[in-house]
Protein backbone atom coordinates (compact mmCIF):
# COMPACT_ATOMS: atom_id res chain seq x y z
CA UNK A 1 8.62 -1.86 -14.58
CA UNK A 2 8.20 -5.08 -13.12
CA UNK A 3 4.30 -6.34 -12.15
CA UNK A 4 1.99 -4.59 -10.16
CA UNK A 5 0.51 -6.25 -6.92
CA UNK A 6 -2.46 -6.25 -5.09
CA UNK A 7 -1.88 -8.10 -1.93
CA UNK A 8 -4.31 -7.98 1.52
CA UNK A 9 -5.47 -10.11 4.15
CA UNK A 10 -9.69 -10.95 3.20
CA UNK A 11 -12.34 -12.41 5.21
CA UNK A 12 -13.93 -15.60 3.88
CA UNK A 13 -16.95 -12.75 2.74
CA UNK A 14 -14.63 -10.67 1.35
CA UNK A 15 -14.23 -7.83 3.31
CA UNK A 16 -9.93 -6.22 4.34
CA UNK A 17 -11.55 -4.92 7.17
CA UNK A 18 -14.16 -3.90 9.71
CA UNK A 19 -17.04 -1.25 9.45
CA UNK A 20 -15.50 0.65 11.51
CA UNK A 21 -12.10 -0.07 9.91
CA UNK A 22 -10.60 -2.77 12.29
CA UNK A 23 -8.12 -5.01 11.19
CA UNK A 24 -8.16 -7.46 14.55
CA UNK A 25 -10.02 -9.84 13.38
CA UNK A 26 -6.89 -10.92 10.54
CA UNK A 27 -4.77 -13.29 12.28
CA UNK A 28 -0.98 -12.65 11.26
CA UNK A 29 1.36 -14.83 12.91
CA UNK A 30 5.15 -15.15 12.75
CA UNK A 31 4.98 -18.09 9.49
CA UNK A 32 2.46 -15.42 7.64
CA UNK A 33 4.29 -12.05 8.27
CA UNK A 34 7.48 -13.65 7.31
CA UNK A 35 4.97 -14.66 3.92
CA UNK A 36 4.36 -10.58 4.16
CA UNK A 37 8.53 -9.61 4.74
CA UNK A 38 9.53 -12.10 2.01
CA UNK A 39 7.13 -10.48 -0.97
CA UNK A 40 8.22 -7.11 0.54
CA UNK A 41 11.91 -8.20 -0.44
CA UNK A 42 11.25 -7.91 -3.52
CA UNK A 43 9.75 -5.18 -4.29
CA UNK A 44 11.21 -1.65 -5.90
CA UNK A 45 7.87 0.21 -4.30
CA UNK A 46 4.29 0.75 -2.95
CA UNK A 47 1.58 2.70 -3.97
CA UNK A 48 -0.51 3.84 -0.87
CA UNK A 49 -3.66 5.43 -0.70
CA UNK A 50 -3.79 8.15 2.40
CA UNK A 51 -5.84 5.60 5.01
CA UNK A 52 -3.01 2.63 4.26
CA UNK A 53 -0.11 5.18 4.36
CA UNK A 54 -1.26 6.87 7.24
CA UNK A 55 -1.76 3.25 8.84
CA UNK A 56 1.57 2.66 7.90
CA UNK A 57 3.11 5.44 9.00
CA UNK A 58 1.72 5.48 12.63
CA UNK A 59 3.41 2.09 13.62
CA UNK A 60 6.41 0.82 11.28
CA UNK A 61 8.73 3.99 11.16
CA UNK A 62 9.46 3.26 15.32
CA UNK A 63 8.10 -0.55 14.80
CA UNK A 64 11.90 -1.79 15.11
CA UNK A 65 11.36 -0.26 18.80
CA UNK A 66 8.37 -2.11 19.96
CA UNK A 67 9.50 -4.39 23.06
CA UNK A 68 5.93 -6.82 22.02
CA UNK A 69 7.14 -6.31 18.46
CA UNK A 70 7.70 -9.80 17.19
CA UNK A 71 11.11 -10.83 15.17
CA UNK A 72 9.34 -11.06 11.67
CA UNK A 73 7.87 -7.51 12.91
CA UNK A 74 11.12 -6.44 13.82
CA UNK A 75 12.54 -7.87 10.63
CA UNK A 76 9.17 -6.12 8.26
CA UNK A 77 10.11 -2.52 9.76
CA UNK A 78 13.25 -2.38 8.59
CA UNK A 79 11.91 -3.50 4.93
CA UNK A 80 9.52 -0.50 4.94
CA UNK A 81 11.54 2.58 6.28
CA UNK A 82 13.77 2.47 3.10
CA UNK A 83 11.55 1.43 0.83
CA UNK A 84 10.60 3.67 -1.57
CA UNK A 85 6.72 4.79 -1.19
CA UNK A 86 4.81 6.33 -3.40
CA UNK A 87 1.33 8.18 -1.70
CA UNK A 88 -1.89 8.84 -3.48
CA UNK A 89 -3.49 11.61 -1.17
CA UNK A 90 -5.72 14.63 -2.27
CA UNK A 91 -6.21 15.59 1.30
CA UNK A 92 -2.72 15.56 2.81
CA UNK A 93 -0.37 18.19 2.54
CA UNK A 94 3.03 16.10 3.12
CA UNK A 95 4.49 12.43 4.45
CA UNK A 96 7.44 11.40 5.78
CA UNK A 97 9.19 7.93 5.45
CA UNK A 98 11.48 7.73 2.29
CA UNK A 99 8.06 8.77 0.66
CA UNK A 100 6.15 11.08 -1.75
CA UNK A 101 2.46 12.64 -2.72
CA UNK A 102 1.17 12.20 -5.92
CA UNK A 103 -2.06 13.72 -7.38
CA UNK A 104 -3.67 12.84 -10.59
CA UNK A 105 -4.70 9.76 -12.86
CA UNK A 106 -3.30 6.93 -11.12
CA UNK A 107 -3.06 5.30 -14.85
CA UNK A 108 -0.39 8.22 -15.51
CA UNK A 109 1.25 8.18 -12.20
CA UNK A 110 2.09 4.22 -13.17
CA UNK A 111 3.31 4.63 -16.40
CA UNK A 112 5.20 7.34 -14.77
CA UNK A 113 6.70 5.11 -12.08
CA UNK A 114 7.23 2.39 -14.77
CA UNK A 115 10.08 4.73 -16.27
CA UNK A 116 11.71 5.44 -12.89
CA UNK A 117 11.17 1.85 -10.95
CA UNK A 118 12.44 -1.64 -13.13
CA UNK A 119 11.05 -4.11 -10.41
CA UNK A 120 7.60 -4.98 -8.91
CA UNK A 121 5.60 -2.27 -7.35
CA UNK A 122 2.88 -3.05 -4.75
CA UNK A 123 -0.70 -1.24 -4.12
CA UNK A 124 -1.56 -1.61 -0.67
CA UNK A 125 -5.51 -0.07 0.38
CA UNK A 126 -8.46 -1.18 -1.29
CA UNK A 127 -9.66 1.94 -2.15
CA UNK A 128 -6.48 3.05 -4.24
CA UNK A 129 -6.27 -0.77 -5.70
CA UNK A 130 -9.55 -0.91 -6.79
CA UNK A 131 -9.07 1.96 -9.75
CA UNK A 132 -5.84 0.29 -10.56
CA UNK A 133 -8.46 -3.38 -10.52
CA UNK A 134 -11.21 -1.43 -12.74
CA UNK A 135 -8.53 -0.37 -15.52
CA UNK A 136 -6.99 -3.51 -15.31
CA UNK A 137 -3.81 -2.21 -14.46
CA UNK A 138 -2.93 -5.35 -11.84
CA UNK A 139 -1.52 -8.33 -12.82
CA UNK A 140 -0.82 -9.71 -9.36
CA UNK A 141 -3.63 -10.70 -7.17
CA UNK A 142 -2.46 -12.33 -3.73
CA UNK A 143 -5.55 -12.98 -1.38
CA UNK A 144 -4.42 -13.91 2.87
CA UNK A 145 -8.40 -15.91 3.44
CA UNK A 146 -8.87 -15.43 6.94
CA UNK A 147 -11.36 -18.01 8.26
CA UNK A 148 -13.79 -15.66 9.22
CA UNK A 149 -17.06 -13.92 8.37
CA UNK A 150 -17.45 -10.34 8.90
CA UNK A 151 -20.40 -9.92 6.83
CA UNK A 152 -20.08 -6.42 5.67
CA UNK A 153 -16.93 -3.68 5.58
CA UNK A 154 -14.71 -2.92 3.03
CA UNK A 155 -14.29 -4.83 0.54
CA UNK A 156 -11.59 -6.38 -1.59
CA UNK A 157 -12.91 -6.26 -4.86
CA UNK A 158 -13.96 -2.59 -6.34
CA UNK A 159 -17.24 -3.24 -7.91
CA UNK A 160 -16.89 -3.82 -11.67
CA UNK A 161 -18.51 -3.66 -15.52
CA UNK A 162 -16.93 -6.74 -16.88
CA UNK A 163 -15.63 -9.62 -15.40
CA UNK A 164 -12.51 -10.37 -14.59
CA UNK A 165 -10.50 -13.29 -15.96
CA UNK A 166 -7.70 -14.50 -13.54
CA UNK A 167 -5.52 -17.69 -13.10
CA UNK A 168 -4.49 -19.38 -10.48
CA UNK A 169 -1.43 -19.35 -9.92
CA UNK A 170 -0.52 -20.87 -6.63
CA UNK A 171 -2.24 -21.72 -2.93
CA UNK A 172 -0.50 -22.16 0.35
CA UNK A 173 -2.33 -22.96 4.32
CA UNK A 174 -0.30 -21.29 6.86
CA UNK A 175 -0.61 -22.64 10.53
CA UNK A 176 -3.14 -19.92 11.73
CA UNK A 177 -5.73 -21.60 9.15
CA UNK A 178 -5.41 -18.50 6.94
CA UNK A 179 -5.10 -19.63 2.84
CA UNK A 180 -3.32 -18.37 0.73
CA UNK A 181 -4.33 -18.21 -3.09
CA UNK A 182 -2.74 -16.25 -5.91
CA UNK A 183 -3.60 -15.10 -9.19
CA UNK A 184 -2.40 -13.31 -12.18
CA UNK A 185 -4.49 -11.56 -14.85
CA UNK A 186 -5.73 -14.32 -17.67
């Protein structure tokens, strides 16, 4: 397996969604969407928790047909639909859209996936990603920091019992004011 990557939009105060689970605070223009497209195009698979999978599966399978979608959004739909997806959930009975359902220890499942996929895998959703972060299994972090303070919500980082040394590998400022900060394990 390549690297395990955790990438999300983040508020300036470190939240990925509001307390009501809203994502409407993030400004994802075509430039930023293209960056996410470029990242997704390099993946062998994506890992999702239940909520993130349901959010993605609610729109992207038909996103290419949405008359209000931009070209960048249509392109992401074409990338997302065939991409293998692994969904961690104890409550779902089935998943669709080139996804499979798994249960069990995240470390054991990741080890099994490493035997199946040679390239990079990303993890979507802060709750699932937090399990990988706490175990030191995430190799790359991409925080797309937006110029907004939410004050509360779901944090990007899980509670940690020890320091997590990271090494800055890049930054980029988007026209929307969002700033990408990329890190690897230190």
